[in-house]
């Protein structure tokens, strides 16, 4: 007999580790572009990086204790190895060079294909 059968017979309930809620991630956008976040390009980039759009919030400013995953404000002040930097979505959609730069910059952030 298994030990779990003994516990069941005694009416002992086992502790089950609660499922952790996914961490909310933030994409920074220009305040004038907060309404333009439904682009298929944004959805595809988030998917390729391994993020579920339901767990991503769009904001115009950095807040304390949030994980910023992508900065689309076009402020290329200092390169970051932890945050994807790109031009604003309107430039990405209209300028082929901005789109190429986005694809180049996102290479280190891509989720491995075997885990998709």
C-alpha atoms as a PDB file:
ATOM      1  CA  UNK A   1       0.000   0.000   0.000  1.00  0.00           C
ATOM      2  CA  UNK A   2       1.238   3.496  -0.802  1.00  0.00           C
ATOM      3  CA  UNK A   3       1.837   6.031   1.935  1.00  0.00           C
ATOM      4  CA  UNK A   4      -0.711   8.329   0.275  1.00  0.00           C
ATOM      5  CA  UNK A   5      -3.355   5.594   0.796  1.00  0.00           C
ATOM      6  CA  UNK A   6      -2.640   5.624   4.552  1.00  0.00           C
ATOM      7  CA  UNK A   7      -2.972   9.401   4.642  1.00  0.00           C
ATOM      8  CA  UNK A   8      -6.245   9.217   2.733  1.00  0.00           C
ATOM      9  CA  UNK A   9      -7.572   6.558   5.114  1.00  0.00           C
ATOM     10  CA  UNK A  10      -6.733   8.765   8.102  1.00  0.00           C
ATOM     11  CA  UNK A  11      -8.386  11.784   6.480  1.00  0.00           C
ATOM     12  CA  UNK A  12      -5.132  13.728   6.267  1.00  0.00           C
ATOM     13  CA  UNK A  13      -5.113  16.284   3.511  1.00  0.00           C
ATOM     14  CA  UNK A  14      -1.818  16.981   1.857  1.00  0.00           C
ATOM     15  CA  UNK A  15      -0.441  20.422   1.311  1.00  0.00           C
ATOM     16  CA  UNK A  16      -0.378  21.477  -2.334  1.00  0.00           C
ATOM     17  CA  UNK A  17       1.976  24.208  -3.421  1.00  0.00           C
ATOM     18  CA  UNK A  18      -0.140  27.125  -4.670  1.00  0.00           C
ATOM     19  CA  UNK A  19       0.278  28.100  -8.281  1.00  0.00           C
ATOM     20  CA  UNK A  20       2.225  31.330  -8.510  1.00  0.00           C
ATOM     21  CA  UNK A  21       0.611  34.179 -10.364  1.00  0.00           C
ATOM     22  CA  UNK A  22       2.689  35.321 -13.296  1.00  0.00           C
ATOM     23  CA  UNK A  23       4.709  38.440 -12.721  1.00  0.00           C
ATOM     24  CA  UNK A  24       3.257  41.541 -14.350  1.00  0.00           C
ATOM     25  CA  UNK A  25       5.698  42.947 -16.877  1.00  0.00           C
ATOM     26  CA  UNK A  26       5.731  46.478 -18.271  1.00  0.00           C
ATOM     27  CA  UNK A  27       6.317  47.847 -21.745  1.00  0.00           C
ATOM     28  CA  UNK A  28       7.183  51.540 -21.723  1.00  0.00           C
ATOM     29  CA  UNK A  29       5.599  53.631 -24.476  1.00  0.00           C
ATOM     30  CA  UNK A  30       5.407  57.301 -25.325  1.00  0.00           C
ATOM     31  CA  UNK A  31       2.361  58.852 -23.561  1.00  0.00           C
ATOM     32  CA  UNK A  32       0.897  59.813 -26.951  1.00  0.00           C
ATOM     33  CA  UNK A  33       1.141  56.167 -28.086  1.00  0.00           C
ATOM     34  CA  UNK A  34      -0.672  54.509 -25.158  1.00  0.00           C
ATOM     35  CA  UNK A  35      -3.708  53.977 -27.402  1.00  0.00           C
ATOM     36  CA  UNK A  36      -1.620  52.340 -30.150  1.00  0.00           C
ATOM     37  CA  UNK A  37      -0.660  49.182 -28.271  1.00  0.00           C
ATOM     38  CA  UNK A  38      -2.832  46.740 -30.218  1.00  0.00           C
ATOM     39  CA  UNK A  39      -0.353  46.406 -33.082  1.00  0.00           C
ATOM     40  CA  UNK A  40       0.291  42.867 -34.331  1.00  0.00           C
ATOM     41  CA  UNK A  41       4.014  43.671 -34.232  1.00  0.00           C
ATOM     42  CA  UNK A  42       3.837  44.238 -30.472  1.00  0.00           C
ATOM     43  CA  UNK A  43       1.912  41.007 -29.992  1.00  0.00           C
ATOM     44  CA  UNK A  44       4.428  39.015 -32.054  1.00  0.00           C
ATOM     45  CA  UNK A  45       7.475  40.492 -30.301  1.00  0.00           C
ATOM     46  CA  UNK A  46       6.004  39.736 -26.859  1.00  0.00           C
ATOM     47  CA  UNK A  47       5.187  36.195 -27.974  1.00  0.00           C
ATOM     48  CA  UNK A  48       8.702  35.650 -29.312  1.00  0.00           C
ATOM     49  CA  UNK A  49      10.143  36.923 -26.032  1.00  0.00           C
ATOM     50  CA  UNK A  50       7.960  34.453 -24.120  1.00  0.00           C
ATOM     51  CA  UNK A  51       5.461  36.868 -22.559  1.00  0.00           C
ATOM     52  CA  UNK A  52       1.710  36.474 -22.481  1.00  0.00           C
ATOM     53  CA  UNK A  53       0.043  39.725 -23.477  1.00  0.00           C
ATOM     54  CA  UNK A  54      -2.467  39.276 -20.641  1.00  0.00           C
ATOM     55  CA  UNK A  55       0.385  39.699 -18.165  1.00  0.00           C
ATOM     56  CA  UNK A  56       1.886  42.784 -19.795  1.00  0.00           C
ATOM     57  CA  UNK A  57       0.943  46.345 -18.948  1.00  0.00           C
ATOM     58  CA  UNK A  58       1.740  49.413 -21.036  1.00  0.00           C
ATOM     59  CA  UNK A  59       2.913  52.529 -19.191  1.00  0.00           C
ATOM     60  CA  UNK A  60       4.646  55.792 -20.006  1.00  0.00           C
ATOM     61  CA  UNK A  61       6.849  55.982 -16.883  1.00  0.00           C
ATOM     62  CA  UNK A  62       8.956  53.552 -14.903  1.00  0.00           C
ATOM     63  CA  UNK A  63       7.389  52.591 -11.601  1.00  0.00           C
ATOM     64  CA  UNK A  64       9.101  51.103  -8.589  1.00  0.00           C
ATOM     65  CA  UNK A  65       9.125  47.323  -8.203  1.00  0.00           C
ATOM     66  CA  UNK A  66       7.970  46.469 -11.739  1.00  0.00           C
ATOM     67  CA  UNK A  67       9.796  44.484 -14.363  1.00  0.00           C
ATOM     68  CA  UNK A  68      10.308  46.563 -17.504  1.00  0.00           C
ATOM     69  CA  UNK A  69      10.826  44.255 -20.478  1.00  0.00           C
ATOM     70  CA  UNK A  70      10.654  46.661 -23.419  1.00  0.00           C
ATOM     71  CA  UNK A  71      11.169  50.415 -23.781  1.00  0.00           C
ATOM     72  CA  UNK A  72       9.465  51.736 -26.932  1.00  0.00           C
ATOM     73  CA  UNK A  73       9.801  55.403 -26.095  1.00  0.00           C
ATOM     74  CA  UNK A  74      12.638  55.875 -28.590  1.00  0.00           C
ATOM     75  CA  UNK A  75      14.990  57.181 -25.900  1.00  0.00           C
ATOM     76  CA  UNK A  76      18.203  55.394 -26.832  1.00  0.00           C
ATOM     77  CA  UNK A  77      20.210  57.056 -24.066  1.00  0.00           C
ATOM     78  CA  UNK A  78      22.081  54.049 -22.719  1.00  0.00           C
ATOM     79  CA  UNK A  79      22.028  50.496 -24.031  1.00  0.00           C
ATOM     80  CA  UNK A  80      20.604  48.006 -21.590  1.00  0.00           C
ATOM     81  CA  UNK A  81      21.248  44.293 -21.523  1.00  0.00           C
ATOM     82  CA  UNK A  82      18.056  43.636 -19.558  1.00  0.00           C
ATOM     83  CA  UNK A  83      15.502  45.747 -21.453  1.00  0.00           C
ATOM     84  CA  UNK A  84      14.668  45.619 -25.153  1.00  0.00           C
ATOM     85  CA  UNK A  85      15.034  49.126 -26.584  1.00  0.00           C
ATOM     86  CA  UNK A  86      13.280  50.237 -29.772  1.00  0.00           C
ATOM     87  CA  UNK A  87      11.698  53.113 -31.626  1.00  0.00           C
ATOM     88  CA  UNK A  88       8.015  53.910 -30.973  1.00  0.00           C
ATOM     89  CA  UNK A  89       5.497  51.601 -32.655  1.00  0.00           C
ATOM     90  CA  UNK A  90       4.443  54.187 -35.243  1.00  0.00           C
ATOM     91  CA  UNK A  91       8.058  54.393 -36.471  1.00  0.00           C
ATOM     92  CA  UNK A  92       8.459  50.614 -36.455  1.00  0.00           C
ATOM     93  CA  UNK A  93       5.348  50.219 -38.590  1.00  0.00           C
ATOM     94  CA  UNK A  94       6.286  52.928 -41.087  1.00  0.00           C
ATOM     95  CA  UNK A  95      10.086  52.820 -41.217  1.00  0.00           C
ATOM     96  CA  UNK A  96      11.792  49.624 -42.454  1.00  0.00           C
ATOM     97  CA  UNK A  97      15.081  50.629 -40.782  1.00  0.00           C
ATOM     98  CA  UNK A  98      13.362  50.961 -37.387  1.00  0.00           C
ATOM     99  CA  UNK A  99      11.805  47.514 -37.853  1.00  0.00           C
ATOM    100  CA  UNK A 100      15.181  46.005 -38.789  1.00  0.00           C
ATOM    101  CA  UNK A 101      16.743  47.599 -35.706  1.00  0.00           C
ATOM    102  CA  UNK A 102      13.992  46.104 -33.530  1.00  0.00           C
ATOM    103  CA  UNK A 103      14.598  42.590 -34.885  1.00  0.00           C
ATOM    104  CA  UNK A 104      18.356  42.994 -34.405  1.00  0.00           C
ATOM    105  CA  UNK A 105      17.988  44.315 -30.857  1.00  0.00           C
ATOM    106  CA  UNK A 106      15.579  41.587 -29.772  1.00  0.00           C
ATOM    107  CA  UNK A 107      17.865  38.644 -30.615  1.00  0.00           C
ATOM    108  CA  UNK A 108      19.252  38.304 -27.047  1.00  0.00           C
ATOM    109  CA  UNK A 109      15.706  38.407 -25.636  1.00  0.00           C
ATOM    110  CA  UNK A 110      14.177  35.628 -27.744  1.00  0.00           C
ATOM    111  CA  UNK A 111      12.809  32.676 -25.874  1.00  0.00           C
ATOM    112  CA  UNK A 112      14.358  29.380 -27.034  1.00  0.00           C
ATOM    113  CA  UNK A 113      12.094  27.565 -29.530  1.00  0.00           C
ATOM    114  CA  UNK A 114      12.004  24.322 -27.561  1.00  0.00           C
ATOM    115  CA  UNK A 115      10.190  26.112 -24.702  1.00  0.00           C
ATOM    116  CA  UNK A 116       7.538  27.868 -26.819  1.00  0.00           C
END
